Amino acid sequence: EDYKAILKNYQSHPINPPLSYDRRLERLFDL
């Protein structure tokens, strides 16, 4: 349900990159 709602209205969510460089690296690793 949330997946469909996000796809339909993705622009209502701001892009919030992680503030910490280590967190960015962790997310990049996972992705």
PDB file of all heavy atoms in Angstrom:
ATOM      1  N   GLU A   1       0.836  -1.213   0.000  1.00  0.00           N
ATOM      2  CA  GLU A   1       0.000   0.000   0.000  1.00  0.00           C
ATOM      3  C   GLU A   1       0.871   1.263   0.000  1.00  0.00           C
ATOM      4  O   GLU A   1       0.643   2.191  -0.778  1.00  0.00           O
ATOM      5  CB  GLU A   1      -0.907  -0.021   1.230  1.00  0.00           C
ATOM      6  CG  GLU A   1      -1.836   1.157   1.339  1.00  0.00           C
ATOM      7  CD  GLU A   1      -2.707   1.052   2.588  1.00  0.00           C
ATOM      8  OE1 GLU A   1      -3.518   0.109   2.658  1.00  0.00           O
ATOM      9  OE2 GLU A   1      -2.543   1.911   3.472  1.00  0.00           O
ATOM     10  N   ASP A   2       1.877   1.288   0.866  1.00  0.00           N
ATOM     11  CA  ASP A   2       2.779   2.438   0.923  1.00  0.00           C
ATOM     12  C   ASP A   2       3.587   2.556  -0.369  1.00  0.00           C
ATOM     13  O   ASP A   2       3.842   3.664  -0.845  1.00  0.00           O
ATOM     14  CB  ASP A   2       3.727   2.340   2.118  1.00  0.00           C
ATOM     15  CG  ASP A   2       3.015   2.549   3.444  1.00  0.00           C
ATOM     16  OD1 ASP A   2       1.928   3.163   3.453  1.00  0.00           O
ATOM     17  OD2 ASP A   2       3.543   2.092   4.479  1.00  0.00           O
ATOM     18  N   TYR A   3       3.987   1.426  -0.929  1.00  0.00           N
ATOM     19  CA  TYR A   3       4.745   1.407  -2.185  1.00  0.00           C
ATOM     20  C   TYR A   3       3.951   2.112  -3.289  1.00  0.00           C
ATOM     21  O   TYR A   3       4.468   2.992  -3.972  1.00  0.00           O
ATOM     22  CB  TYR A   3       5.037  -0.046  -2.560  1.00  0.00           C
ATOM     23  CG  TYR A   3       5.807  -0.250  -3.839  1.00  0.00           C
ATOM     24  CD1 TYR A   3       7.194  -0.283  -3.834  1.00  0.00           C
ATOM     25  CD2 TYR A   3       5.154  -0.443  -5.054  1.00  0.00           C
ATOM     26  CE1 TYR A   3       7.910  -0.497  -5.004  1.00  0.00           C
ATOM     27  CE2 TYR A   3       5.858  -0.649  -6.213  1.00  0.00           C
ATOM     28  CZ  TYR A   3       7.239  -0.682  -6.190  1.00  0.00           C
ATOM     29  OH  TYR A   3       7.941  -0.893  -7.347  1.00  0.00           O
ATOM     30  N   LYS A   4       2.694   1.729  -3.421  1.00  0.00           N
ATOM     31  CA  LYS A   4       1.838   2.341  -4.453  1.00  0.00           C
ATOM     32  C   LYS A   4       1.644   3.839  -4.194  1.00  0.00           C
ATOM     33  O   LYS A   4       1.683   4.643  -5.114  1.00  0.00           O
ATOM     34  CB  LYS A   4       0.482   1.638  -4.502  1.00  0.00           C
ATOM     35  CG  LYS A   4       0.535   0.254  -5.093  1.00  0.00           C
ATOM     36  CD  LYS A   4      -0.823  -0.423  -5.051  1.00  0.00           C
ATOM     37  CE  LYS A   4      -0.710  -1.867  -5.482  1.00  0.00           C
ATOM     38  NZ  LYS A   4      -1.958  -2.595  -5.311  1.00  0.00           N
ATOM     39  N   ALA A   5       1.441   4.192  -2.936  1.00  0.00           N
ATOM     40  CA  ALA A   5       1.231   5.599  -2.587  1.00  0.00           C
ATOM     41  C   ALA A   5       2.482   6.430  -2.886  1.00  0.00           C
ATOM     42  O   ALA A   5       2.381   7.547  -3.407  1.00  0.00           O
ATOM     43  CB  ALA A   5       0.853   5.725  -1.118  1.00  0.00           C
ATOM     44  N   ILE A   6       3.649   5.892  -2.581  1.00  0.00           N
ATOM     45  CA  ILE A   6       4.894   6.615  -2.839  1.00  0.00           C
ATOM     46  C   ILE A   6       5.123   6.764  -4.336  1.00  0.00           C
ATOM     47  O   ILE A   6       5.492   7.842  -4.807  1.00  0.00           O
ATOM     48  CB  ILE A   6       6.088   5.928  -2.146  1.00  0.00           C
ATOM     49  CG1 ILE A   6       5.970   6.107  -0.624  1.00  0.00           C
ATOM     50  CG2 ILE A   6       7.424   6.482  -2.651  1.00  0.00           C
ATOM     51  CD1 ILE A   6       6.935   5.260   0.188  1.00  0.00           C
ATOM     52  N   LEU A   7       4.896   5.700  -5.100  1.00  0.00           N
ATOM     53  CA  LEU A   7       5.067   5.795  -6.556  1.00  0.00           C
ATOM     54  C   LEU A   7       4.117   6.821  -7.160  1.00  0.00           C
ATOM     55  O   LEU A   7       4.490   7.560  -8.068  1.00  0.00           O
ATOM     56  CB  LEU A   7       4.845   4.438  -7.225  1.00  0.00           C
ATOM     57  CG  LEU A   7       5.980   3.443  -7.142  1.00  0.00           C
ATOM     58  CD1 LEU A   7       5.604   2.142  -7.857  1.00  0.00           C
ATOM     59  CD2 LEU A   7       7.267   3.987  -7.716  1.00  0.00           C
ATOM     60  N   LYS A   8       2.906   6.865  -6.642  1.00  0.00           N
ATOM     61  CA  LYS A   8       1.906   7.783  -7.176  1.00  0.00           C
ATOM     62  C   LYS A   8       2.229   9.234  -6.824  1.00  0.00           C
ATOM     63  O   LYS A   8       2.016  10.142  -7.628  1.00  0.00           O
ATOM     64  CB  LYS A   8       0.528   7.417  -6.624  1.00  0.00           C
ATOM     65  CG  LYS A   8      -0.598   8.258  -7.151  1.00  0.00           C
ATOM     66  CD  LYS A   8      -1.934   7.794  -6.615  1.00  0.00           C
ATOM     67  CE  LYS A   8      -3.046   8.644  -7.176  1.00  0.00           C
ATOM     68  NZ  LYS A   8      -4.354   8.199  -6.707  1.00  0.00           N
ATOM     69  N   ASN A   9       2.778   9.457  -5.633  1.00  0.00           N
ATOM     70  CA  ASN A   9       2.975  10.814  -5.143  1.00  0.00           C
ATOM     71  C   ASN A   9       4.405  10.998  -4.625  1.00  0.00           C
ATOM     72  O   ASN A   9       4.614  11.548  -3.554  1.00  0.00           O
ATOM     73  CB  ASN A   9       1.951  11.107  -4.039  1.00  0.00           C
ATOM     74  CG  ASN A   9       1.813  12.573  -3.771  1.00  0.00           C
ATOM     75  OD1 ASN A   9       2.277  13.417  -4.532  1.00  0.00           O
ATOM     76  ND2 ASN A   9       1.191  12.894  -2.652  1.00  0.00           N
ATOM     77  N   TYR A  10       5.375  10.558  -5.409  1.00  0.00           N
ATOM     78  CA  TYR A  10       6.769  10.591  -4.967  1.00  0.00           C
ATOM     79  C   TYR A  10       7.289  12.008  -4.757  1.00  0.00           C
ATOM     80  O   TYR A  10       8.194  12.230  -3.963  1.00  0.00           O
ATOM     81  CB  TYR A  10       7.673   9.851  -5.957  1.00  0.00           C
ATOM     82  CG  TYR A  10       7.767  10.493  -7.311  1.00  0.00           C
ATOM     83  CD1 TYR A  10       8.734  11.444  -7.593  1.00  0.00           C
ATOM     84  CD2 TYR A  10       6.859  10.153  -8.316  1.00  0.00           C
ATOM     85  CE1 TYR A  10       8.807  12.043  -8.831  1.00  0.00           C
ATOM     86  CE2 TYR A  10       6.938  10.756  -9.554  1.00  0.00           C
ATOM     87  CZ  TYR A  10       7.907  11.695  -9.813  1.00  0.00           C
ATOM     88  OH  TYR A  10       7.978  12.292 -11.038  1.00  0.00           O
ATOM     89  N   GLN A  11       6.722  12.992  -5.433  1.00  0.00           N
ATOM     90  CA  GLN A  11       7.211  14.364  -5.312  1.00  0.00           C
ATOM     91  C   GLN A  11       6.858  15.003  -3.975  1.00  0.00           C
ATOM     92  O   GLN A  11       7.427  16.024  -3.623  1.00  0.00           O
ATOM     93  CB  GLN A  11       6.697  15.221  -6.461  1.00  0.00           C
ATOM     94  CG  GLN A  11       7.311  14.803  -7.788  1.00  0.00           C
ATOM     95  CD  GLN A  11       6.800  15.633  -8.943  1.00  0.00           C
ATOM     96  OE1 GLN A  11       5.664  16.090  -8.935  1.00  0.00           O
ATOM     97  NE2 GLN A  11       7.634  15.810  -9.947  1.00  0.00           N
ATOM     98  N   SER A  12       5.949  14.397  -3.244  1.00  0.00           N
ATOM     99  CA  SER A  12       5.588  14.957  -1.942  1.00  0.00           C
ATOM    100  C   SER A  12       6.640  14.646  -0.883  1.00  0.00           C
ATOM    101  O   SER A  12       6.593  15.201   0.208  1.00  0.00           O
ATOM    102  CB  SER A  12       4.225  14.418  -1.491  1.00  0.00           C
ATOM    103  OG  SER A  12       4.318  13.042  -1.196  1.00  0.00           O
ATOM    104  N   HIS A  13       7.576  13.775  -1.201  1.00  0.00           N
ATOM    105  CA  HIS A  13       8.647  13.432  -0.272  1.00  0.00           C
ATOM    106  C   HIS A  13       9.933  14.137  -0.711  1.00  0.00           C
ATOM    107  O   HIS A  13      10.383  13.946  -1.831  1.00  0.00           O
ATOM    108  CB  HIS A  13       8.897  11.920  -0.269  1.00  0.00           C
ATOM    109  CG  HIS A  13       7.774  11.127   0.287  1.00  0.00           C
ATOM    110  ND1 HIS A  13       6.589  10.934  -0.382  1.00  0.00           N
ATOM    111  CD2 HIS A  13       7.644  10.475   1.453  1.00  0.00           C
ATOM    112  CE1 HIS A  13       5.793  10.187   0.349  1.00  0.00           C
ATOM    113  NE2 HIS A  13       6.409   9.895   1.467  1.00  0.00           N
ATOM    114  N   PRO A  14      10.533  14.917   0.158  1.00  0.00           N
ATOM    115  CA  PRO A  14      11.788  15.578  -0.213  1.00  0.00           C
ATOM    116  C   PRO A  14      12.937  14.575  -0.266  1.00  0.00           C
ATOM    117  O   PRO A  14      12.888  13.523   0.370  1.00  0.00           O
ATOM    118  CB  PRO A  14      12.006  16.578   0.923  1.00  0.00           C
ATOM    119  CG  PRO A  14      11.305  15.975   2.090  1.00  0.00           C
ATOM    120  CD  PRO A  14      10.116  15.237   1.517  1.00  0.00           C
ATOM    121  N   ILE A  15      13.952  14.891  -1.050  1.00  0.00           N
ATOM    122  CA  ILE A  15      15.154  14.074  -1.061  1.00  0.00           C
ATOM    123  C   ILE A  15      15.967  14.459   0.160  1.00  0.00           C
ATOM    124  O   ILE A  15      16.345  15.620   0.319  1.00  0.00           O
ATOM    125  CB  ILE A  15      15.964  14.275  -2.351  1.00  0.00           C
ATOM    126  CG1 ILE A  15      15.162  13.758  -3.544  1.00  0.00           C
ATOM    127  CG2 ILE A  15      17.310  13.586  -2.268  1.00  0.00           C
ATOM    128  CD1 ILE A  15      15.848  13.947  -4.879  1.00  0.00           C
ATOM    129  N   ASN A  16      16.202  13.496   1.026  1.00  0.00           N
ATOM    130  CA  ASN A  16      16.938  13.737   2.261  1.00  0.00           C
ATOM    131  C   ASN A  16      18.174  12.853   2.307  1.00  0.00           C
ATOM    132  O   ASN A  16      18.132  11.770   2.861  1.00  0.00           O
ATOM    133  CB  ASN A  16      16.061  13.438   3.494  1.00  0.00           C
ATOM    134  CG  ASN A  16      14.900  14.372   3.604  1.00  0.00           C
ATOM    135  OD1 ASN A  16      15.041  15.553   3.351  1.00  0.00           O
ATOM    136  ND2 ASN A  16      13.745  13.843   3.975  1.00  0.00           N
ATOM    137  N   PRO A  17      19.274  13.309   1.727  1.00  0.00           N
ATOM    138  CA  PRO A  17      20.475  12.476   1.792  1.00  0.00           C
ATOM    139  C   PRO A  17      20.990  12.412   3.225  1.00  0.00           C
ATOM    140  O   PRO A  17      20.775  13.342   4.003  1.00  0.00           O
ATOM    141  CB  PRO A  17      21.469  13.206   0.887  1.00  0.00           C
ATOM    142  CG  PRO A  17      21.004  14.599   0.830  1.00  0.00           C
ATOM    143  CD  PRO A  17      19.512  14.562   1.021  1.00  0.00           C
ATOM    144  N   PRO A  18      21.654  11.327   3.567  1.00  0.00           N
ATOM    145  CA  PRO A  18      22.234  11.235   4.911  1.00  0.00           C
ATOM    146  C   PRO A  18      23.230  12.366   5.131  1.00  0.00           C
ATOM    147  O   PRO A  18      23.970  12.729   4.221  1.00  0.00           O
ATOM    148  CB  PRO A  18      22.948   9.885   4.906  1.00  0.00           C
ATOM    149  CG  PRO A  18      22.445   9.146   3.723  1.00  0.00           C
ATOM    150  CD  PRO A  18      21.944  10.158   2.756  1.00  0.00           C
ATOM    151  N   LEU A  19      23.260  12.898   6.322  1.00  0.00           N
ATOM    152  CA  LEU A  19      24.172  13.991   6.628  1.00  0.00           C
ATOM    153  C   LEU A  19      25.606  13.494   6.816  1.00  0.00           C
ATOM    154  O   LEU A  19      26.559  14.172   6.481  1.00  0.00           O
ATOM    155  CB  LEU A  19      23.713  14.728   7.886  1.00  0.00           C
ATOM    156  CG  LEU A  19      22.346  15.401   7.785  1.00  0.00           C
ATOM    157  CD1 LEU A  19      21.962  16.032   9.115  1.00  0.00           C
ATOM    158  CD2 LEU A  19      22.330  16.432   6.674  1.00  0.00           C
ATOM    159  N   SER A  20      25.738  12.305   7.319  1.00  0.00           N
ATOM    160  CA  SER A  20      27.050  11.742   7.601  1.00  0.00           C
ATOM    161  C   SER A  20      27.608  11.029   6.369  1.00  0.00           C
ATOM    162  O   SER A  20      26.898  10.283   5.684  1.00  0.00           O
ATOM    163  CB  SER A  20      26.922  10.764   8.774  1.00  0.00           C
ATOM    164  OG  SER A  20      27.798   9.704   8.689  1.00  0.00           O
ATOM    165  N   TYR A  21      28.887  11.248   6.093  1.00  0.00           N
ATOM    166  CA  TYR A  21      29.548  10.584   4.968  1.00  0.00           C
ATOM    167  C   TYR A  21      29.540   9.072   5.167  1.00  0.00           C
ATOM    168  O   TYR A  21      29.319   8.315   4.209  1.00  0.00           O
ATOM    169  CB  TYR A  21      30.978  11.105   4.824  1.00  0.00           C
ATOM    170  CG  TYR A  21      31.696  10.595   3.598  1.00  0.00           C
ATOM    171  CD1 TYR A  21      31.237  10.895   2.320  1.00  0.00           C
ATOM    172  CD2 TYR A  21      32.832   9.820   3.725  1.00  0.00           C
ATOM    173  CE1 TYR A  21      31.891  10.427   1.194  1.00  0.00           C
ATOM    174  CE2 TYR A  21      33.498   9.349   2.599  1.00  0.00           C
ATOM    175  CZ  TYR A  21      33.021   9.658   1.340  1.00  0.00           C
ATOM    176  OH  TYR A  21      33.677   9.189   0.232  1.00  0.00           O
ATOM    177  N   ASP A  22      29.734   8.622   6.406  1.00  0.00           N
ATOM    178  CA  ASP A  22      29.709   7.183   6.668  1.00  0.00           C
ATOM    179  C   ASP A  22      28.340   6.589   6.358  1.00  0.00           C
ATOM    180  O   ASP A  22      28.239   5.494   5.801  1.00  0.00           O
ATOM    181  CB  ASP A  22      30.089   6.888   8.117  1.00  0.00           C
ATOM    182  CG  ASP A  22      31.583   7.030   8.369  1.00  0.00           C
ATOM    183  OD1 ASP A  22      32.360   7.115   7.382  1.00  0.00           O
ATOM    184  OD2 ASP A  22      31.981   7.054   9.549  1.00  0.00           O
ATOM    185  N   ARG A  23      27.262   7.294   6.708  1.00  0.00           N
ATOM    186  CA  ARG A  23      25.903   6.803   6.403  1.00  0.00           C
ATOM    187  C   ARG A  23      25.677   6.755   4.895  1.00  0.00           C
ATOM    188  O   ARG A  23      25.032   5.851   4.383  1.00  0.00           O
ATOM    189  CB  ARG A  23      24.835   7.687   7.060  1.00  0.00           C
ATOM    190  CG  ARG A  23      24.801   7.628   8.569  1.00  0.00           C
ATOM    191  CD  ARG A  23      24.335   6.304   9.129  1.00  0.00           C
ATOM    192  NE  ARG A  23      22.975   6.058   8.717  1.00  0.00           N
ATOM    193  CZ  ARG A  23      22.471   4.832   8.556  1.00  0.00           C
ATOM    194  NH1 ARG A  23      23.188   3.771   8.785  1.00  0.00           N
ATOM    195  NH2 ARG A  23      21.227   4.677   8.168  1.00  0.00           N
ATOM    196  N   ARG A  24      26.208   7.736   4.162  1.00  0.00           N
ATOM    197  CA  ARG A  24      26.106   7.711   2.699  1.00  0.00           C
ATOM    198  C   ARG A  24      26.804   6.483   2.143  1.00  0.00           C
ATOM    199  O   ARG A  24      26.295   5.815   1.244  1.00  0.00           O
ATOM    200  CB  ARG A  24      26.731   8.960   2.088  1.00  0.00           C
ATOM    201  CG  ARG A  24      25.934  10.202   2.284  1.00  0.00           C
ATOM    202  CD  ARG A  24      26.600  11.377   1.618  1.00  0.00           C
ATOM    203  NE  ARG A  24      26.003  12.593   2.126  1.00  0.00           N
ATOM    204  CZ  ARG A  24      26.519  13.776   2.012  1.00  0.00           C
ATOM    205  NH1 ARG A  24      27.674  13.929   1.397  1.00  0.00           N
ATOM    206  NH2 ARG A  24      25.904  14.814   2.493  1.00  0.00           N
ATOM    207  N   LEU A  25      27.977   6.204   2.676  1.00  0.00           N
ATOM    208  CA  LEU A  25      28.724   5.037   2.218  1.00  0.00           C
ATOM    209  C   LEU A  25      27.995   3.736   2.547  1.00  0.00           C
ATOM    210  O   LEU A  25      27.974   2.811   1.734  1.00  0.00           O
ATOM    211  CB  LEU A  25      30.137   5.021   2.811  1.00  0.00           C
ATOM    212  CG  LEU A  25      31.080   6.102   2.297  1.00  0.00           C
ATOM    213  CD1 LEU A  25      32.410   6.038   3.034  1.00  0.00           C
ATOM    214  CD2 LEU A  25      31.295   5.983   0.796  1.00  0.00           C
ATOM    215  N   GLU A  26      27.386   3.674   3.719  1.00  0.00           N
ATOM    216  CA  GLU A  26      26.616   2.481   4.090  1.00  0.00           C
ATOM    217  C   GLU A  26      25.450   2.274   3.126  1.00  0.00           C
ATOM    218  O   GLU A  26      25.198   1.153   2.670  1.00  0.00           O
ATOM    219  CB  GLU A  26      26.089   2.616   5.521  1.00  0.00           C
ATOM    220  CG  GLU A  26      27.159   2.491   6.570  1.00  0.00           C
ATOM    221  CD  GLU A  26      26.650   2.822   7.972  1.00  0.00           C
ATOM    222  OE1 GLU A  26      25.416   2.985   8.165  1.00  0.00           O
ATOM    223  OE2 GLU A  26      27.494   2.924   8.882  1.00  0.00           O
ATOM    224  N   ARG A  27      24.740   3.344   2.821  1.00  0.00           N
ATOM    225  CA  ARG A  27      23.614   3.232   1.882  1.00  0.00           C
ATOM    226  C   ARG A  27      24.096   2.868   0.486  1.00  0.00           C
ATOM    227  O   ARG A  27      23.486   2.056  -0.195  1.00  0.00           O
ATOM    228  CB  ARG A  27      22.805   4.531   1.848  1.00  0.00           C
ATOM    229  CG  ARG A  27      21.946   4.698   3.072  1.00  0.00           C
ATOM    230  CD  ARG A  27      20.957   5.806   2.872  1.00  0.00           C
ATOM    231  NE  ARG A  27      20.149   5.995   4.065  1.00  0.00           N
ATOM    232  CZ  ARG A  27      19.317   6.995   4.230  1.00  0.00           C
ATOM    233  NH1 ARG A  27      19.188   7.907   3.288  1.00  0.00           N
ATOM    234  NH2 ARG A  27      18.609   7.102   5.319  1.00  0.00           N
ATOM    235  N   LEU A  28      25.207   3.476   0.055  1.00  0.00           N
ATOM    236  CA  LEU A  28      25.754   3.142  -1.253  1.00  0.00           C
ATOM    237  C   LEU A  28      26.144   1.677  -1.304  1.00  0.00           C
ATOM    238  O   LEU A  28      25.879   0.990  -2.300  1.00  0.00           O
ATOM    239  CB  LEU A  28      26.963   4.033  -1.572  1.00  0.00           C
ATOM    240  CG  LEU A  28      27.639   3.762  -2.920  1.00  0.00           C
ATOM    241  CD1 LEU A  28      26.679   4.034  -4.077  1.00  0.00           C
ATOM    242  CD2 LEU A  28      28.901   4.607  -3.057  1.00  0.00           C
ATOM    243  N   PHE A  29      26.749   1.173  -0.258  1.00  0.00           N
ATOM    244  CA  PHE A  29      27.135  -0.241  -0.180  1.00  0.00           C
ATOM    245  C   PHE A  29      25.907  -1.130  -0.327  1.00  0.00           C
ATOM    246  O   PHE A  29      25.887  -2.061  -1.144  1.00  0.00           O
ATOM    247  CB  PHE A  29      27.850  -0.499   1.150  1.00  0.00           C
ATOM    248  CG  PHE A  29      28.242  -1.930   1.377  1.00  0.00           C
ATOM    249  CD1 PHE A  29      29.243  -2.521   0.624  1.00  0.00           C
ATOM    250  CD2 PHE A  29      27.630  -2.677   2.375  1.00  0.00           C
ATOM    251  CE1 PHE A  29      29.619  -3.836   0.855  1.00  0.00           C
ATOM    252  CE2 PHE A  29      27.996  -3.986   2.612  1.00  0.00           C
ATOM    253  CZ  PHE A  29      28.997  -4.577   1.848  1.00  0.00           C
ATOM    254  N   ASP A  30      24.861  -0.846   0.453  1.00  0.00           N
ATOM    255  CA  ASP A  30      23.631  -1.646   0.378  1.00  0.00           C
ATOM    256  C   ASP A  30      23.008  -1.585  -1.011  1.00  0.00           C
ATOM    257  O   ASP A  30      22.596  -2.608  -1.566  1.00  0.00           O
ATOM    258  CB  ASP A  30      22.616  -1.175   1.420  1.00  0.00           C
ATOM    259  CG  ASP A  30      23.043  -1.486   2.845  1.00  0.00           C
ATOM    260  OD1 ASP A  30      23.896  -2.373   3.033  1.00  0.00           O
ATOM    261  OD2 ASP A  30      22.519  -0.828   3.767  1.00  0.00           O
ATOM    262  N   LEU A  31      22.934  -0.391  -1.574  1.00  0.00           N
ATOM    263  CA  LEU A  31      22.309  -0.224  -2.888  1.00  0.00           C
ATOM    264  C   LEU A  31      23.142  -0.877  -3.993  1.00  0.00           C
ATOM    265  O   LEU A  31      22.585  -1.511  -4.892  1.00  0.00           O
ATOM    266  CB  LEU A  31      22.072   1.251  -3.175  1.00  0.00           C
ATOM    267  CG  LEU A  31      21.067   1.918  -2.234  1.00  0.00           C
ATOM    268  CD1 LEU A  31      21.104   3.430  -2.399  1.00  0.00           C
ATOM    269  CD2 LEU A  31      19.666   1.387  -2.464  1.00  0.00           C
TER     270      LEU A  31
END
